C-alpha atoms as a PDB file:
ATOM      1  CA  MET A   1      77.838 189.308 235.981  1.00  0.00           C
ATOM      2  CA  LEU A   2      78.936 192.112 233.735  1.00  0.00           C
ATOM      3  CA  GLU A   3      80.332 193.920 236.779  1.00  0.00           C
ATOM      4  CA  LEU A   4      83.050 191.270 237.097  1.00  0.00           C
ATOM      5  CA  LEU A   5      84.321 192.111 233.602  1.00  0.00           C
ATOM      6  CA  LYS A   6      84.795 195.703 234.698  1.00  0.00           C
ATOM      7  CA  ALA A   7      86.211 194.890 238.128  1.00  0.00           C
ATOM      8  CA  ILE A   8      88.714 192.297 236.856  1.00  0.00           C
ATOM      9  CA  PRO A   9      89.176 192.794 233.105  1.00  0.00           C
ATOM     10  CA  ASP A  10      92.456 190.861 232.985  1.00  0.00           C
ATOM     11  CA  PRO A  11      91.763 187.091 232.999  1.00  0.00           C
ATOM     12  CA  THR A  12      95.243 186.293 234.297  1.00  0.00           C
ATOM     13  CA  VAL A  13      94.528 188.387 237.395  1.00  0.00           C
ATOM     14  CA  LEU A  14      91.234 186.559 237.936  1.00  0.00           C
ATOM     15  CA  LEU A  15      92.913 183.166 237.613  1.00  0.00           C
ATOM     16  CA  ASP A  16      95.642 184.144 240.093  1.00  0.00           C
ATOM     17  CA  LEU A  17      93.062 184.796 242.817  1.00  0.00           C
ATOM     18  CA  GLU A  18      92.322 182.184 245.456  1.00  0.00           C
ATOM     19  CA  PRO A  19      88.641 181.123 245.647  1.00  0.00           C
ATOM     20  CA  GLU A  20      88.018 183.221 248.761  1.00  0.00           C
ATOM     21  CA  GLU A  21      89.698 186.258 247.154  1.00  0.00           C
ATOM     22  CA  LEU A  22      87.520 186.026 244.065  1.00  0.00           C
ATOM     23  CA  ALA A  23      84.514 185.334 246.289  1.00  0.00           C
ATOM     24  CA  VAL A  24      84.836 188.646 248.118  1.00  0.00           C
ATOM     25  CA  LYS A  25      84.826 190.514 244.806  1.00  0.00           C
ATOM     26  CA  MET A  26      81.801 188.601 243.580  1.00  0.00           C
ATOM     27  CA  LEU A  27      79.891 189.037 246.843  1.00  0.00           C
ATOM     28  CA  PHE A  28      80.135 192.813 246.789  1.00  0.00           C
ATOM     29  CA  LEU A  29      79.390 192.932 243.064  1.00  0.00           C
ATOM     30  CA  VAL A  30      76.199 190.958 243.701  1.00  0.00           C
ATOM     31  CA  ARG A  31      75.287 193.296 246.555  1.00  0.00           C
ATOM     32  CA  SER A  32      75.560 196.265 244.195  1.00  0.00           C
ATOM     33  CA  ARG A  33      73.032 194.838 241.737  1.00  0.00           C
ATOM     34  CA  ASP A  34      69.342 195.681 241.563  1.00  0.00           C
ATOM     35  CA  ASP A  35      68.490 191.960 241.655  1.00  0.00           C
ATOM     36  CA  ALA A  36      70.583 191.229 244.771  1.00  0.00           C
ATOM     37  CA  ASP A  37      67.474 190.131 246.711  1.00  0.00           C
ATOM     38  CA  MET A  38      67.422 186.883 244.746  1.00  0.00           C
ATOM     39  CA  PHE A  39      69.755 185.749 241.990  1.00  0.00           C
ATOM     40  CA  SER A  40      70.868 182.742 240.016  1.00  0.00           C
ATOM     41  CA  PRO A  41      74.653 182.142 240.042  1.00  0.00           C
ATOM     42  CA  GLY A  42      74.320 180.342 236.736  1.00  0.00           C
ATOM     43  CA  ASP A  43      72.540 183.268 235.109  1.00  0.00           C
ATOM     44  CA  LEU A  44      75.103 185.722 236.487  1.00  0.00           C
ATOM     45  CA  GLU A  45      77.922 183.618 235.080  1.00  0.00           C
ATOM     46  CA  GLY A  46      76.136 183.504 231.745  1.00  0.00           C
ATOM     47  CA  GLU A  47      76.326 187.298 231.510  1.00  0.00           C
ATOM     48  CA  ILE A  48      80.101 187.037 231.401  1.00  0.00           C
ATOM     49  CA  TRP A  49      80.126 184.914 228.267  1.00  0.00           C
ATOM     50  CA  LEU A  50      77.313 186.579 226.350  1.00  0.00           C
ATOM     51  CA  THR A  51      76.798 190.245 227.133  1.00  0.00           C
ATOM     52  CA  ARG A  52      73.397 191.931 227.004  1.00  0.00           C
ATOM     53  CA  TYR A  53      74.368 193.286 223.585  1.00  0.00           C
ATOM     54  CA  ASN A  54      75.126 189.752 222.341  1.00  0.00           C
ATOM     55  CA  GLU A  55      78.780 190.637 222.065  1.00  0.00           C
ATOM     56  CA  GLN A  56      81.474 188.070 222.719  1.00  0.00           C
ATOM     57  CA  SER A  57      83.017 188.165 226.173  1.00  0.00           C
ATOM     58  CA  PRO A  58      86.297 190.085 226.438  1.00  0.00           C
ATOM     59  CA  TYR A  59      87.742 187.104 228.284  1.00  0.00           C
ATOM     60  CA  PRO A  60      89.687 185.068 225.690  1.00  0.00           C
ATOM     61  CA  GLN A  61      88.184 181.750 224.653  1.00  0.00           C
ATOM     62  CA  GLN A  62      91.298 179.761 225.525  1.00  0.00           C
ATOM     63  CA  HIS A  63      90.727 180.617 229.208  1.00  0.00           C
ATOM     64  CA  THR A  64      87.003 179.866 229.258  1.00  0.00           C
ATOM     65  CA  GLY A  65      87.259 176.526 231.057  1.00  0.00           C
ATOM     66  CA  GLU A  66      89.648 177.829 233.705  1.00  0.00           C
ATOM     67  CA  ILE A  67      87.613 180.980 234.339  1.00  0.00           C
ATOM     68  CA  ARG A  68      84.355 179.039 234.607  1.00  0.00           C
ATOM     69  CA  LEU A  69      85.999 176.725 237.158  1.00  0.00           C
ATOM     70  CA  ALA A  70      87.397 179.637 239.184  1.00  0.00           C
ATOM     71  CA  ILE A  71      83.990 181.312 239.317  1.00  0.00           C
ATOM     72  CA  ARG A  72      82.243 178.107 240.379  1.00  0.00           C
ATOM     73  CA  GLU A  73      84.864 177.615 243.092  1.00  0.00           C
ATOM     74  CA  ALA A  74      84.115 181.108 244.380  1.00  0.00           C
ATOM     75  CA  TRP A  75      80.351 180.443 244.427  1.00  0.00           C
ATOM     76  CA  ALA A  76      80.975 177.153 246.228  1.00  0.00           C
ATOM     77  CA  TRP A  77      83.147 178.899 248.825  1.00  0.00           C
ATOM     78  CA  LEU A  78      80.475 181.524 249.474  1.00  0.00           C
ATOM     79  CA  GLU A  79      77.852 178.826 249.916  1.00  0.00           C
ATOM     80  CA  ALA A  80      80.069 176.677 252.147  1.00  0.00           C
ATOM     81  CA  GLN A  81      80.620 179.684 254.416  1.00  0.00           C
ATOM     82  CA  GLY A  82      76.892 180.320 254.666  1.00  0.00           C
ATOM     83  CA  LEU A  83      77.185 183.664 252.875  1.00  0.00           C
ATOM     84  CA  ILE A  84      74.803 182.736 250.093  1.00  0.00           C
ATOM     85  CA  ILE A  85      71.965 180.295 250.761  1.00  0.00           C
ATOM     86  CA  PRO A  86      69.161 178.703 248.715  1.00  0.00           C
ATOM     87  CA  ALA A  87      66.098 180.854 248.205  1.00  0.00           C
ATOM     88  CA  GLN A  88      62.884 179.643 249.770  1.00  0.00           C
ATOM     89  CA  GLY A  89      60.670 177.075 248.120  1.00  0.00           C
ATOM     90  CA  ILE A  90      60.824 176.133 244.493  1.00  0.00           C
ATOM     91  CA  ASN A  91      63.156 179.029 243.701  1.00  0.00           C
ATOM     92  CA  GLY A  92      65.875 177.470 245.820  1.00  0.00           C
ATOM     93  CA  VAL A  93      65.333 174.091 244.158  1.00  0.00           C
ATOM     94  CA  ASN A  94      65.751 175.808 240.802  1.00  0.00           C
ATOM     95  CA  GLY A  95      69.135 177.228 241.763  1.00  0.00           C
ATOM     96  CA  PHE A  96      68.261 180.704 242.994  1.00  0.00           C
ATOM     97  CA  ARG A  97      70.230 182.070 245.941  1.00  0.00           C
ATOM     98  CA  VAL A  98      69.920 184.918 248.449  1.00  0.00           C
ATOM     99  CA  LEU A  99      72.477 186.665 250.617  1.00  0.00           C
ATOM    100  CA  SER A 100      72.621 185.475 254.206  1.00  0.00           C
ATOM    101  CA  ARG A 101      72.261 187.839 257.161  1.00  0.00           C
ATOM    102  CA  ARG A 102      76.023 187.683 257.711  1.00  0.00           C
ATOM    103  CA  ALA A 103      76.742 188.565 254.080  1.00  0.00           C
ATOM    104  CA  ARG A 104      74.481 191.599 254.359  1.00  0.00           C
ATOM    105  CA  ARG A 105      76.271 192.833 257.486  1.00  0.00           C
ATOM    106  CA  PHE A 106      79.718 193.252 255.924  1.00  0.00           C
ATOM    107  CA  SER A 107      80.328 196.965 255.506  1.00  0.00           C
ATOM    108  CA  ASP A 108      83.312 196.686 253.153  1.00  0.00           C
ATOM    109  CA  GLU A 109      85.861 194.310 251.685  1.00  0.00           C
ATOM    110  CA  ARG A 110      88.303 194.835 254.554  1.00  0.00           C
ATOM    111  CA  GLN A 111      85.738 193.570 257.054  1.00  0.00           C
ATOM    112  CA  PHE A 112      85.105 190.579 254.825  1.00  0.00           C
ATOM    113  CA  ALA A 113      88.860 189.906 254.633  1.00  0.00           C
ATOM    114  CA  ASP A 114      89.029 189.945 258.443  1.00  0.00           C
ATOM    115  CA  TYR A 115      86.214 187.406 258.546  1.00  0.00           C
ATOM    116  CA  ALA A 116      88.004 185.142 256.078  1.00  0.00           C
ATOM    117  CA  THR A 117      91.241 185.438 258.045  1.00  0.00           C
ATOM    118  CA  ALA A 118      89.515 184.664 261.323  1.00  0.00           C
ATOM    119  CA  ARG A 119      88.236 181.383 259.948  1.00  0.00           C
ATOM    120  CA  LEU A 120      91.809 180.339 259.213  1.00  0.00           C
ATOM    121  CA  LEU A 121      92.623 180.312 262.951  1.00  0.00           C
ATOM    122  CA  GLN A 122      91.497 176.809 263.818  1.00  0.00           C
ATOM    123  CA  ARG A 123      90.884 176.102 267.495  1.00  0.00           C
ATOM    124  CA  ASP A 124      92.471 172.651 267.336  1.00  0.00           C
ATOM    125  CA  MET A 125      95.755 174.249 266.174  1.00  0.00           C
ATOM    126  CA  LEU A 126      96.084 176.225 269.394  1.00  0.00           C
ATOM    127  CA  HIS A 127      97.567 175.268 272.747  1.00  0.00           C
ATOM    128  CA  SER A 128      94.719 174.176 275.009  1.00  0.00           C
ATOM    129  CA  SER A 129      95.215 177.122 277.395  1.00  0.00           C
ATOM    130  CA  ILE A 130      94.830 179.656 274.587  1.00  0.00           C
ATOM    131  CA  ALA A 131      91.944 177.769 273.008  1.00  0.00           C
ATOM    132  CA  ALA A 132      90.101 178.092 276.322  1.00  0.00           C
ATOM    133  CA  ALA A 133      91.047 181.684 277.166  1.00  0.00           C
ATOM    134  CA  ALA A 134      91.453 183.563 273.901  1.00  0.00           C
ATOM    135  CA  TRP A 135      89.807 181.826 270.959  1.00  0.00           C
ATOM    136  CA  GLY A 136      86.293 182.955 271.858  1.00  0.00           C
ATOM    137  CA  PHE A 137      87.372 186.599 272.010  1.00  0.00           C
ATOM    138  CA  PHE A 138      89.079 186.244 268.639  1.00  0.00           C
ATOM    139  CA  MET A 139      86.063 184.732 266.909  1.00  0.00           C
ATOM    140  CA  ARG A 140      83.848 187.535 268.250  1.00  0.00           C
ATOM    141  CA  GLY A 141      86.220 190.072 266.715  1.00  0.00           C
ATOM    142  CA  GLU A 142      87.560 191.254 270.096  1.00  0.00           C
ATOM    143  CA  TYR A 143      91.135 191.097 268.875  1.00  0.00           C
ATOM    144  CA  ALA A 144      92.781 193.201 271.588  1.00  0.00           C
ATOM    145  CA  ALA A 145      91.206 191.006 274.278  1.00  0.00           C
ATOM    146  CA  ALA A 146      92.327 187.848 272.448  1.00  0.00           C
ATOM    147  CA  VAL A 147      95.922 189.101 272.304  1.00  0.00           C
ATOM    148  CA  PHE A 148      95.908 190.110 275.969  1.00  0.00           C
ATOM    149  CA  GLN A 149      94.482 186.769 277.093  1.00  0.00           C
ATOM    150  CA  THR A 150      97.000 184.910 274.953  1.00  0.00           C
ATOM    151  CA  MET A 151     100.039 186.606 276.444  1.00  0.00           C
ATOM    152  CA  ARG A 152      98.502 186.461 279.914  1.00  0.00           C
ATOM    153  CA  GLN A 153      98.415 182.677 279.555  1.00  0.00           C
ATOM    154  CA  VAL A 154     102.078 182.725 278.533  1.00  0.00           C
ATOM    155  CA  GLU A 155     102.965 184.772 281.627  1.00  0.00           C
ATOM    156  CA  ILE A 156     100.968 182.452 283.899  1.00  0.00           C
ATOM    157  CA  ALA A 157     102.525 179.340 282.368  1.00  0.00           C
ATOM    158  CA  VAL A 158     106.056 180.682 282.872  1.00  0.00           C
ATOM    159  CA  ARG A 159     105.307 181.675 286.476  1.00  0.00           C
ATOM    160  CA  GLU A 160     103.801 178.314 287.376  1.00  0.00           C
ATOM    161  CA  ALA A 161     106.466 176.270 285.595  1.00  0.00           C
ATOM    162  CA  SER A 162     109.172 178.286 287.368  1.00  0.00           C
ATOM    163  CA  GLY A 163     107.610 177.905 290.811  1.00  0.00           C
ATOM    164  CA  PHE A 164     107.476 181.685 291.318  1.00  0.00           C
ATOM    165  CA  GLY A 165     104.957 183.283 293.667  1.00  0.00           C
ATOM    166  CA  PRO A 166     101.822 185.134 292.532  1.00  0.00           C
ATOM    167  CA  GLY A 167     103.548 188.482 293.044  1.00  0.00           C
ATOM    168  CA  GLU A 168     106.041 187.734 290.270  1.00  0.00           C
ATOM    169  CA  HIS A 169     104.965 189.046 286.870  1.00  0.00           C
ATOM    170  CA  GLY A 170     105.964 190.823 283.695  1.00  0.00           C
ATOM    171  CA  VAL A 171     109.241 191.034 281.843  1.00  0.00           C
ATOM    172  CA  PRO A 172     111.526 190.841 284.920  1.00  0.00           C
ATOM    173  CA  MET A 173     109.921 187.549 285.936  1.00  0.00           C
ATOM    174  CA  ILE A 174     110.218 186.189 282.408  1.00  0.00           C
ATOM    175  CA  ARG A 175     113.920 186.993 282.254  1.00  0.00           C
ATOM    176  CA  ARG A 176     114.561 185.423 285.674  1.00  0.00           C
ATOM    177  CA  ALA A 177     112.924 182.224 284.437  1.00  0.00           C
ATOM    178  CA  PHE A 178     115.042 181.791 281.327  1.00  0.00           C
ATOM    179  CA  VAL A 179     118.488 183.324 281.797  1.00  0.00           C
ATOM    180  CA  LYS A 180     121.591 181.852 283.442  1.00  0.00           C
ATOM    181  CA  SER A 181     120.488 179.434 286.188  1.00  0.00           C
ATOM    182  CA  GLY A 182     116.780 180.188 285.918  1.00  0.00           C
ATOM    183  CA  PRO A 183     114.282 177.361 286.477  1.00  0.00           C
ATOM    184  CA  LEU A 184     113.384 177.173 282.774  1.00  0.00           C
ATOM    185  CA  THR A 185     116.923 177.568 281.461  1.00  0.00           C
ATOM    186  CA  ASP A 186     118.288 174.725 279.373  1.00  0.00           C
ATOM    187  CA  PRO A 187     121.694 174.093 280.966  1.00  0.00           C
ATOM    188  CA  GLU A 188     122.926 172.340 277.834  1.00  0.00           C
ATOM    189  CA  ALA A 189     122.176 175.289 275.549  1.00  0.00           C
ATOM    190  CA  GLU A 190     124.754 177.881 274.592  1.00  0.00           C
ATOM    191  CA  THR A 191     124.628 181.117 276.570  1.00  0.00           C
ATOM    192  CA  ALA A 192     123.605 183.026 273.458  1.00  0.00           C
ATOM    193  CA  GLU A 193     120.705 180.619 272.887  1.00  0.00           C
ATOM    194  CA  GLN A 194     119.581 180.975 276.509  1.00  0.00           C
ATOM    195  CA  GLU A 195     119.592 184.741 276.175  1.00  0.00           C
ATOM    196  CA  ALA A 196     117.776 184.610 272.833  1.00  0.00           C
ATOM    197  CA  LEU A 197     114.964 182.471 274.256  1.00  0.00           C
ATOM    198  CA  ALA A 198     114.637 184.798 277.245  1.00  0.00           C
ATOM    199  CA  ALA A 199     114.461 187.763 274.862  1.00  0.00           C
ATOM    200  CA  LEU A 200     111.813 186.041 272.752  1.00  0.00           C
ATOM    201  CA  PHE A 201     109.524 185.448 275.719  1.00  0.00           C
ATOM    202  CA  ALA A 202     110.214 188.823 277.345  1.00  0.00           C
ATOM    203  CA  GLY A 203     109.711 190.656 274.065  1.00  0.00           C
ATOM    204  CA  ALA A 204     106.402 188.931 273.381  1.00  0.00           C
ATOM    205  CA  VAL A 205     104.987 189.584 276.848  1.00  0.00           C
ATOM    206  CA  GLY A 206     106.404 193.099 277.022  1.00  0.00           C
ATOM    207  CA  THR A 207     105.074 194.050 273.598  1.00  0.00           C
ATOM    208  CA  TYR A 208     101.711 192.325 273.444  1.00  0.00           C
ATOM    209  CA  LYS A 209     100.602 191.813 277.058  1.00  0.00           C
ATOM    210  CA  ASN A 210     101.913 194.715 279.125  1.00  0.00           C
ATOM    211  CA  PRO A 211     100.483 197.587 277.037  1.00  0.00           C
ATOM    212  CA  HIS A 212      97.040 195.943 277.104  1.00  0.00           C
ATOM    213  CA  SER A 213      97.300 195.710 280.889  1.00  0.00           C
ATOM    214  CA  HIS A 214      97.736 199.460 281.390  1.00  0.00           C
ATOM    215  CA  ARG A 215      95.659 201.146 278.687  1.00  0.00           C
ATOM    216  CA  HIS A 216      93.197 200.557 275.875  1.00  0.00           C
ATOM    217  CA  VAL A 217      95.093 199.379 272.804  1.00  0.00           C
ATOM    218  CA  LEU A 218      93.244 199.457 269.501  1.00  0.00           C
ATOM    219  CA  MET A 219      93.657 196.358 267.344  1.00  0.00           C
ATOM    220  CA  GLU A 220      91.412 195.991 264.311  1.00  0.00           C
ATOM    221  CA  SER A 221      93.372 193.563 262.142  1.00  0.00           C
ATOM    222  CA  ALA A 222      92.313 189.933 262.369  1.00  0.00           C
ATOM    223  CA  ARG A 223      95.490 188.863 260.587  1.00  0.00           C
ATOM    224  CA  GLU A 224      97.763 190.652 263.056  1.00  0.00           C
ATOM    225  CA  ALA A 225      95.851 189.262 266.019  1.00  0.00           C
ATOM    226  CA  ALA A 226      95.934 185.736 264.573  1.00  0.00           C
ATOM    227  CA  GLU A 227      99.699 185.921 264.148  1.00  0.00           C
ATOM    228  CA  ILE A 228     100.144 187.013 267.786  1.00  0.00           C
ATOM    229  CA  VAL A 229      97.794 184.306 269.058  1.00  0.00           C
ATOM    230  CA  MET A 230      99.758 181.687 267.126  1.00  0.00           C
ATOM    231  CA  LEU A 231     103.013 183.081 268.551  1.00  0.00           C
ATOM    232  CA  GLY A 232     101.601 182.756 272.059  1.00  0.00           C
ATOM    233  CA  SER A 233     100.524 179.188 271.327  1.00  0.00           C
ATOM    234  CA  HIS A 234     104.046 178.357 270.200  1.00  0.00           C
ATOM    235  CA  LEU A 235     105.550 179.909 273.341  1.00  0.00           C
ATOM    236  CA  LEU A 236     103.280 177.828 275.547  1.00  0.00           C
ATOM    237  CA  ARG A 237     104.409 174.678 273.777  1.00  0.00           C
ATOM    238  CA  VAL A 238     108.015 175.725 274.374  1.00  0.00           C
ATOM    239  CA  VAL A 239     107.220 175.998 278.096  1.00  0.00           C
ATOM    240  CA  ASP A 240     105.657 172.517 278.030  1.00  0.00           C
ATOM    241  CA  GLN A 241     108.706 171.063 276.271  1.00  0.00           C
ATOM    242  CA  THR A 242     111.040 172.785 278.726  1.00  0.00           C
ATOM    243  CA  VAL A 243     109.160 171.364 281.709  1.00  0.00           C
ATOM    244  CA  ARG A 244     109.280 167.849 280.227  1.00  0.00           C
ATOM    245  CA  ALA A 245     112.997 168.161 279.480  1.00  0.00           C
ATOM    246  CA  ARG A 246     113.647 169.299 283.057  1.00  0.00           C
ATOM    247  CA  ALA A 247     111.692 166.338 284.421  1.00  0.00           C
ATOM    248  CA  ASP A 248     113.696 163.959 282.233  1.00  0.00           C
ATOM    249  CA  ARG A 249     116.963 165.435 283.540  1.00  0.00           C
ATOM    250  CA  ASP A 250     115.796 165.168 287.145  1.00  0.00           C
ATOM    251  CA  ASN A 251     114.708 161.552 286.672  1.00  0.00           C
ATOM    252  CA  GLY A 252     117.705 160.562 284.594  1.00  0.00           C
END
């Protein structure tokens, strides 16, 4: 893959890349080739070490083993993600690969990066309420909907845990739940800590749920959405812990 030599001429830069980072470069380099319909990863790697003019590779020999390993890791990652697949018939048995339908759909490297980020948000890491309400939206790339559903679940959890009626909502309700003698206030915590927790919940709901309730909010970054979803998951676990602590105090 002579294109890799041009795209990443510095071997130290190549070796600093994670497998998925190198994979995105290699995927789009393959897509740019005339033989992208069917290719042999081994043959493409061979181009790096012996150019078409039989010149020695510009990558220094002392890094050969490490670079070969990094490239094979990137191929393995692409195959594990279903982005390259064996060609049909005997060609596939002989090591030839083709791009999957998903790999052909990526319009640019940013879209690919969003895909890679999305796969890092594992469903079993999320609070069960968010896994049920928001994870599907996230995986379909509907990031604004995933964020809204996440913070909606936080608002609902606070309302129900506090025993407030269905008419209670938004930042005022959140603050009533957590400050001073609110139903979710930890009476043993310092006043400053009580206020900080109330601000954390109110800020999250006010920033990430309320705007989505009143207007269309554009969100295209998978990484940003994943961070907000994880924040919401953490807040829901705080509510669960607070409810358990309150029950222990009442029963103690």
